[in-house]
Amino acid sequence: MNHRQIGKSNLYVSPVAMGCWPITGITSTNVTEEHSLATLRAAFDSGINFFDTAYIYGYEGESERLIARALGDVRDKIVIASKCGLHWGSDQKQARDARPETIKKECEESLQRLNTDRIDLYYLHAPDPNVPIAESAGAIGELLSEGKILAAGVSNFTEISQYEEFHAVCTISADQPFYNMLQREIEREQLPWCLKNNVSVNPYWPLMKGFLAGKIKRDHVWAPNDGRQRFPVFVGEEWEKTHAFLDEIRPIAAEAEMTVAQLAIAWVIAQPGIGAALCGAKRPEQIQETAQAMNHTLTQSQLAKIAQAIQNRGEVNRHPAT
């Protein structure tokens, strides 16, 4: 397995990263602290050196605290990404605040939670409509110059002008949009811009919130607190169309000697400009399975068959950013 450079930084990461949102249990069911700690360690033992978290991952920063506990003894062998600019309000609803003073405050708190002296990759989690992007970028640039972070990134940007405004003030090393076989909007403008500017794309939702793992059956009944049921793609006609797509790619996965999840992830990391696919997990066996995608290379024939299946499926409803 070859590690991939993040932009022009000195950071080199495994092509599969562990996304550390599910271990908070906010939108996932059956999450326990014991499982979360074991999952983080299983990811490292499976060859993953890249762990993606955020200030808002957990009402009290649980994700960052769990990383410190599970991986503190291998801190110098891993790359930690975190994010700023989103927090939980008193009503437990997400709120945006990307003012420079807030960014610096959240960075300090994240450093304390992670029990580390630096955050390797630090993203602006989302643009704040009330704060010029250049001001947010300036604050992150100051954290870079102070050595509190080693590289800067952006997430959930939707307009090229946003990238340009940030990049003019602080060099972007990484972008974090959503991207998978069926949600490919970034291929129109964002991905080409990143390729042109040597920005690594580290997408979330490579399994489309678990759907492309191929394990959710057509007659699945969502638990009341499972947040996925609010997305259009998980109900009605969209649900049926995507199950038909899964039926079409299962033989391709079998031919490649992969699970459907591994196939979906291998497809993402095979695309130009992709640094690492962020794979969420809440139990060790989940991240152990997805980590194996790093050890597979899809053939041109397999990629062509996947492209035909994608074309047959057609575009899906766009998910809102999280």
Protein backbone atom coordinates (compact mmCIF):
# COMPACT_ATOMS: atom_id res chain seq x y z
CA MET A 1 0.00 0.00 0.00
CA ASN A 2 1.35 3.39 -0.99
CA HIS A 3 0.58 6.40 1.18
CA ARG A 4 -0.60 9.50 -0.63
CA GLN A 5 0.63 13.03 -0.15
CA ILE A 6 -1.90 15.62 1.03
CA GLY A 7 -1.53 18.54 -1.35
CA LYS A 8 2.01 19.88 -1.15
CA SER A 9 2.22 19.23 2.60
CA ASN A 10 4.49 16.81 4.39
CA LEU A 11 1.52 14.62 5.32
CA TYR A 12 1.21 11.15 3.78
CA VAL A 13 -1.92 9.13 4.40
CA SER A 14 -3.44 5.73 3.74
CA PRO A 15 -5.97 5.75 0.86
CA VAL A 16 -8.67 4.75 3.33
CA ALA A 17 -9.23 6.96 6.35
CA MET A 18 -11.50 6.36 9.31
CA GLY A 19 -14.30 8.86 9.59
CA CYS A 20 -14.93 9.38 13.28
CA TRP A 21 -18.47 10.74 13.25
CA PRO A 22 -20.31 7.40 13.82
CA ILE A 23 -18.46 6.66 17.06
CA THR A 24 -20.21 9.62 18.69
CA GLY A 25 -23.56 7.84 18.46
CA ILE A 26 -25.46 11.00 17.59
CA THR A 27 -27.01 9.64 14.39
CA SER A 28 -25.90 6.00 14.65
CA THR A 29 -27.57 3.29 16.70
CA ASN A 30 -26.02 0.73 19.07
CA VAL A 31 -22.85 2.74 19.70
CA THR A 32 -20.85 1.99 22.83
CA GLU A 33 -17.62 3.45 24.16
CA GLU A 34 -16.04 0.00 24.22
CA HIS A 35 -16.88 -0.60 20.55
CA SER A 36 -15.70 2.88 19.56
CA LEU A 37 -12.30 2.48 21.20
CA ALA A 38 -11.89 -0.97 19.70
CA THR A 39 -12.88 0.32 16.25
CA LEU A 40 -10.26 3.06 16.31
CA ARG A 41 -7.58 0.57 17.27
CA ALA A 42 -8.77 -1.92 14.65
CA ALA A 43 -8.45 0.77 12.01
CA PHE A 44 -4.83 1.41 12.94
CA ASP A 45 -4.06 -2.30 13.09
CA SER A 46 -5.60 -2.66 9.61
CA GLY A 47 -3.15 -0.20 8.09
CA ILE A 48 -5.14 3.02 8.37
CA ASN A 49 -3.05 5.96 9.58
CA PHE A 50 -5.55 8.75 8.80
CA PHE A 51 -8.30 9.65 11.29
CA ASP A 52 -10.89 12.32 10.52
CA THR A 53 -12.79 14.08 13.28
CA ALA A 54 -14.21 17.53 14.06
CA TYR A 55 -14.99 19.91 16.89
CA ILE A 56 -18.69 19.10 16.45
CA TYR A 57 -18.26 15.31 16.45
CA GLY A 58 -20.00 14.65 19.74
CA TYR A 59 -21.96 17.02 21.94
CA GLU A 60 -18.96 17.23 24.27
CA GLY A 61 -16.16 16.47 21.81
CA GLU A 62 -16.45 12.72 22.35
CA SER A 63 -14.86 11.80 19.02
CA GLU A 64 -11.65 13.71 19.66
CA ARG A 65 -11.45 12.41 23.22
CA LEU A 66 -11.87 8.81 22.06
CA ILE A 67 -9.06 9.23 19.50
CA ALA A 68 -6.75 10.46 22.24
CA ARG A 69 -7.57 7.47 24.43
CA ALA A 70 -7.37 4.81 21.72
CA LEU A 71 -4.40 6.10 19.74
CA GLY A 72 -2.42 8.33 22.06
CA ASP A 73 0.42 5.83 22.23
CA VAL A 74 0.84 5.89 18.42
CA ARG A 75 0.31 9.63 17.95
CA ASP A 76 3.44 10.09 15.84
CA LYS A 77 2.39 7.27 13.51
CA ILE A 78 -1.00 8.71 12.59
CA VAL A 79 -2.40 11.75 10.80
CA ILE A 80 -5.28 13.49 12.55
CA ALA A 81 -7.67 15.77 10.71
CA SER A 82 -10.15 17.92 12.58
CA LYS A 83 -12.48 20.76 11.65
CA CYS A 84 -13.74 24.08 12.99
CA GLY A 85 -16.59 26.46 12.38
CA LEU A 86 -19.54 24.29 13.43
CA HIS A 87 -20.73 23.74 16.99
CA TRP A 88 -23.76 22.52 18.90
CA GLY A 89 -26.16 25.11 20.24
CA SER A 90 -27.88 24.79 23.60
CA ASP A 91 -30.80 23.19 21.76
CA GLN A 92 -28.44 20.55 20.31
CA LYS A 93 -28.83 21.98 16.84
CA GLN A 94 -25.86 22.72 14.60
CA ALA A 95 -24.74 26.33 14.36
CA ARG A 96 -22.10 27.93 12.16
CA ASP A 97 -19.51 30.35 13.50
CA ALA A 98 -16.34 30.81 11.49
CA ARG A 99 -15.18 34.06 13.04
CA PRO A 100 -11.41 34.14 13.60
CA GLU A 101 -11.75 34.22 17.38
CA THR A 102 -14.05 31.18 17.31
CA ILE A 103 -11.75 29.24 15.00
CA LYS A 104 -8.80 29.83 17.33
CA LYS A 105 -10.86 28.93 20.41
CA GLU A 106 -12.10 25.70 18.86
CA CYS A 107 -8.60 24.76 17.76
CA GLU A 108 -7.31 25.13 21.31
CA GLU A 109 -10.14 23.00 22.66
CA SER A 110 -9.56 20.34 20.01
CA LEU A 111 -5.86 20.24 20.84
CA GLN A 112 -6.75 19.65 24.49
CA ARG A 113 -9.31 16.96 23.70
CA LEU A 114 -6.87 15.18 21.38
CA ASN A 115 -4.08 15.57 23.94
CA THR A 116 -1.68 16.64 21.23
CA ASP A 117 0.51 19.61 20.36
CA ARG A 118 -0.67 19.87 16.74
CA ILE A 119 -3.54 18.97 14.45
CA ASP A 120 -2.09 17.61 11.24
CA LEU A 121 -4.87 18.74 8.90
CA TYR A 122 -7.39 21.38 9.94
CA TYR A 123 -10.49 22.09 7.87
CA LEU A 124 -12.97 24.91 7.85
CA HIS A 125 -15.97 22.63 8.30
CA ALA A 126 -18.33 24.82 6.28
CA PRO A 127 -18.42 28.42 5.09
CA ASP A 128 -20.18 30.84 7.41
CA PRO A 129 -22.52 33.15 5.45
CA ASN A 130 -21.98 35.85 8.08
CA VAL A 131 -18.17 35.84 7.89
CA PRO A 132 -16.05 36.55 4.81
CA ILE A 133 -14.19 33.39 3.83
CA ALA A 134 -10.96 35.38 3.68
CA GLU A 135 -11.28 36.18 7.40
CA SER A 136 -11.77 32.52 8.30
CA ALA A 137 -8.84 31.59 6.06
CA GLY A 138 -6.68 34.21 7.74
CA ALA A 139 -7.30 32.69 11.16
CA ILE A 140 -6.42 29.21 9.92
CA GLY A 141 -3.31 30.66 8.28
CA GLU A 142 -2.26 32.07 11.65
CA LEU A 143 -2.67 28.65 13.24
CA LEU A 144 -0.41 27.28 10.50
CA SER A 145 2.27 29.86 11.16
CA GLU A 146 2.09 29.09 14.89
CA GLY A 147 2.58 25.36 14.25
CA LYS A 148 -0.69 24.43 15.90
CA ILE A 149 -1.81 22.89 12.62
CA LEU A 150 0.35 21.50 9.81
CA ALA A 151 -1.95 21.85 6.79
CA ALA A 152 -5.24 23.59 5.98
CA GLY A 153 -8.35 22.29 4.30
CA VAL A 154 -11.93 23.20 3.45
CA SER A 155 -15.14 21.20 3.57
CA ASN A 156 -18.63 21.60 2.17
CA PHE A 157 -17.66 24.41 -0.20
CA THR A 158 -19.99 24.57 -3.18
CA GLU A 159 -18.70 27.46 -5.32
CA ILE A 160 -15.31 27.80 -6.98
CA SER A 161 -15.24 31.42 -5.82
CA GLN A 162 -15.20 30.15 -2.23
CA TYR A 163 -12.13 28.03 -2.94
CA GLU A 164 -10.40 30.92 -4.67
CA GLU A 165 -11.08 33.35 -1.84
CA PHE A 166 -9.74 30.96 0.80
CA HIS A 167 -6.76 29.81 -1.29
CA ALA A 168 -5.66 33.42 -1.92
CA VAL A 169 -5.17 33.89 1.82
CA CYS A 170 -4.21 30.41 3.04
CA THR A 171 -3.03 27.52 0.87
CA ILE A 172 -5.61 24.75 0.67
CA SER A 173 -4.02 21.31 0.97
CA ALA A 174 -7.23 19.27 1.09
CA ASP A 175 -10.90 19.45 0.24
CA GLN A 176 -13.59 17.34 1.90
CA PRO A 177 -16.82 17.04 -0.08
CA PHE A 178 -19.20 14.10 -0.32
CA TYR A 179 -18.49 11.73 -3.21
CA ASN A 180 -19.34 8.19 -4.19
CA MET A 181 -20.40 6.12 -7.18
CA LEU A 182 -23.83 7.74 -7.28
CA GLN A 183 -23.15 11.26 -5.97
CA ARG A 184 -20.59 12.68 -8.37
CA GLU A 185 -21.40 16.39 -8.46
CA ILE A 186 -17.83 17.36 -7.63
CA GLU A 187 -16.67 16.03 -10.99
CA ARG A 188 -18.18 19.08 -12.70
CA GLU A 189 -16.13 21.88 -11.12
CA GLN A 190 -14.70 21.11 -7.69
CA LEU A 191 -12.57 18.11 -8.58
CA PRO A 192 -11.04 19.76 -11.68
CA TRP A 193 -10.18 22.84 -9.59
CA CYS A 194 -8.53 20.68 -6.95
CA LEU A 195 -6.54 18.77 -9.58
CA LYS A 196 -5.37 22.04 -11.12
CA ASN A 197 -4.31 23.47 -7.75
CA ASN A 198 -2.75 20.31 -6.28
CA VAL A 199 -5.40 19.95 -3.60
CA SER A 200 -6.12 16.45 -2.31
CA VAL A 201 -9.79 15.47 -2.24
CA ASN A 202 -10.70 13.39 0.81
CA PRO A 203 -14.39 12.62 0.35
CA TYR A 204 -16.90 11.51 2.93
CA TRP A 205 -19.88 9.23 2.23
CA PRO A 206 -17.94 6.87 -0.11
CA LEU A 207 -20.59 4.30 0.87
CA MET A 208 -23.45 6.82 0.63
CA LYS A 209 -24.08 6.67 4.39
CA GLY A 210 -23.76 2.90 4.40
CA PHE A 211 -26.12 2.14 1.53
CA LEU A 212 -23.36 1.15 -0.91
CA ALA A 213 -22.13 -1.45 1.55
CA GLY A 214 -24.91 -3.54 0.06
CA LYS A 215 -26.18 -4.91 3.35
CA ILE A 216 -29.40 -2.92 3.79
CA LYS A 217 -32.29 -4.96 2.40
CA ARG A 218 -35.20 -3.62 0.37
CA ASP A 219 -37.65 -4.24 3.22
CA HIS A 220 -35.45 -2.57 5.85
CA VAL A 221 -37.34 -0.67 8.54
CA TRP A 222 -35.44 2.33 9.92
CA ALA A 223 -35.05 2.76 13.66
CA PRO A 224 -36.76 5.97 14.87
CA ASN A 225 -33.43 7.63 15.70
CA ASP A 226 -31.63 6.62 12.49
CA GLY A 227 -30.98 9.92 10.72
CA ARG A 228 -30.67 8.38 7.26
CA GLN A 229 -34.40 8.08 6.75
CA ARG A 230 -34.69 11.85 6.29
CA PHE A 231 -32.68 11.69 3.04
CA PRO A 232 -34.70 11.28 -0.19
CA VAL A 233 -32.44 8.57 -1.58
CA PHE A 234 -33.46 6.19 1.21
CA VAL A 235 -37.18 6.18 0.46
CA GLY A 236 -39.62 5.52 -2.35
CA GLU A 237 -38.55 5.29 -5.99
CA GLU A 238 -34.98 6.36 -5.27
CA TRP A 239 -34.65 3.49 -2.81
CA GLU A 240 -35.78 0.97 -5.41
CA LYS A 241 -33.54 2.39 -8.16
CA THR A 242 -30.47 2.18 -5.98
CA HIS A 243 -31.23 -1.39 -4.96
CA ALA A 244 -31.37 -2.22 -8.67
CA PHE A 245 -27.94 -0.60 -9.02
CA LEU A 246 -26.60 -2.74 -6.18
CA ASP A 247 -27.90 -5.84 -7.92
CA GLU A 248 -25.95 -4.79 -11.01
CA ILE A 249 -22.61 -4.26 -9.25
CA ARG A 250 -22.70 -7.35 -7.03
CA PRO A 251 -21.35 -9.58 -9.84
CA ILE A 252 -18.55 -7.07 -10.45
CA ALA A 253 -17.59 -7.24 -6.78
CA ALA A 254 -17.65 -11.03 -6.90
CA GLU A 255 -15.44 -11.04 -10.00
CA ALA A 256 -12.96 -8.74 -8.23
CA GLU A 257 -13.11 -10.91 -5.10
CA MET A 258 -14.37 -7.99 -3.02
CA THR A 259 -17.41 -7.20 -0.96
CA VAL A 260 -19.75 -4.58 -2.40
CA ALA A 261 -18.44 -2.08 0.18
CA GLN A 262 -14.85 -2.74 -0.81
CA LEU A 263 -15.76 -2.30 -4.47
CA ALA A 264 -17.42 1.05 -3.79
CA ILE A 265 -14.42 2.32 -1.85
CA ALA A 266 -11.90 0.95 -4.35
CA TRP A 267 -13.78 2.85 -7.06
CA VAL A 268 -13.54 6.13 -5.12
CA ILE A 269 -9.81 5.87 -4.39
CA ALA A 270 -9.16 4.93 -8.03
CA GLN A 271 -10.47 8.29 -9.24
CA PRO A 272 -7.97 11.05 -10.17
CA GLY A 273 -7.31 13.57 -7.42
CA ILE A 274 -8.58 11.46 -4.52
CA GLY A 275 -6.32 11.37 -1.48
CA ALA A 276 -8.30 9.17 0.90
CA ALA A 277 -11.87 7.94 1.22
CA LEU A 278 -13.34 8.57 4.66
CA CYS A 279 -14.99 5.40 5.89
CA GLY A 280 -17.15 5.72 8.96
CA ALA A 281 -17.42 2.82 11.36
CA LYS A 282 -18.71 2.06 14.83
CA ARG A 283 -17.55 -1.54 15.17
CA PRO A 284 -14.17 -3.16 14.43
CA GLU A 285 -15.44 -5.54 11.74
CA GLN A 286 -16.78 -2.62 9.71
CA ILE A 287 -13.48 -0.77 9.41
CA GLN A 288 -11.56 -4.02 8.98
CA GLU A 289 -13.69 -4.78 5.92
CA THR A 290 -13.42 -1.34 4.34
CA ALA A 291 -9.69 -1.07 5.03
CA GLN A 292 -9.15 -4.04 2.73
CA ALA A 293 -10.19 -1.87 -0.23
CA MET A 294 -6.69 -0.38 -0.09
CA ASN A 295 -5.28 -3.73 -1.18
CA HIS A 296 -7.35 -4.03 -4.37
CA THR A 297 -6.88 -2.45 -7.79
CA LEU A 298 -9.80 -2.42 -10.18
CA THR A 299 -9.15 -3.43 -13.79
CA GLN A 300 -10.17 -1.26 -16.72
CA SER A 301 -12.84 -3.83 -17.57
CA GLN A 302 -14.29 -3.65 -14.06
CA LEU A 303 -14.22 0.16 -14.09
CA ALA A 304 -16.06 0.14 -17.42
CA LYS A 305 -18.76 -2.18 -16.06
CA ILE A 306 -19.20 0.08 -13.02
CA ALA A 307 -19.46 3.13 -15.28
CA GLN A 308 -22.25 1.44 -17.24
CA ALA A 309 -24.10 0.55 -14.05
CA ILE A 310 -23.80 4.15 -12.86
CA GLN A 311 -25.19 5.38 -16.17
CA ASN A 312 -28.08 2.92 -15.95
CA ARG A 313 -28.94 4.10 -12.43
CA GLY A 314 -29.01 7.82 -13.27
CA GLU A 315 -28.47 10.73 -10.90
CA VAL A 316 -29.78 10.60 -7.35
CA ASN A 317 -31.28 13.33 -5.21
CA ARG A 318 -28.61 15.51 -3.69
CA HIS A 319 -27.97 15.04 0.04
CA PRO A 320 -27.57 18.11 2.22
CA ALA A 321 -24.13 18.67 3.75
CA THR A 322 -23.53 17.68 7.37
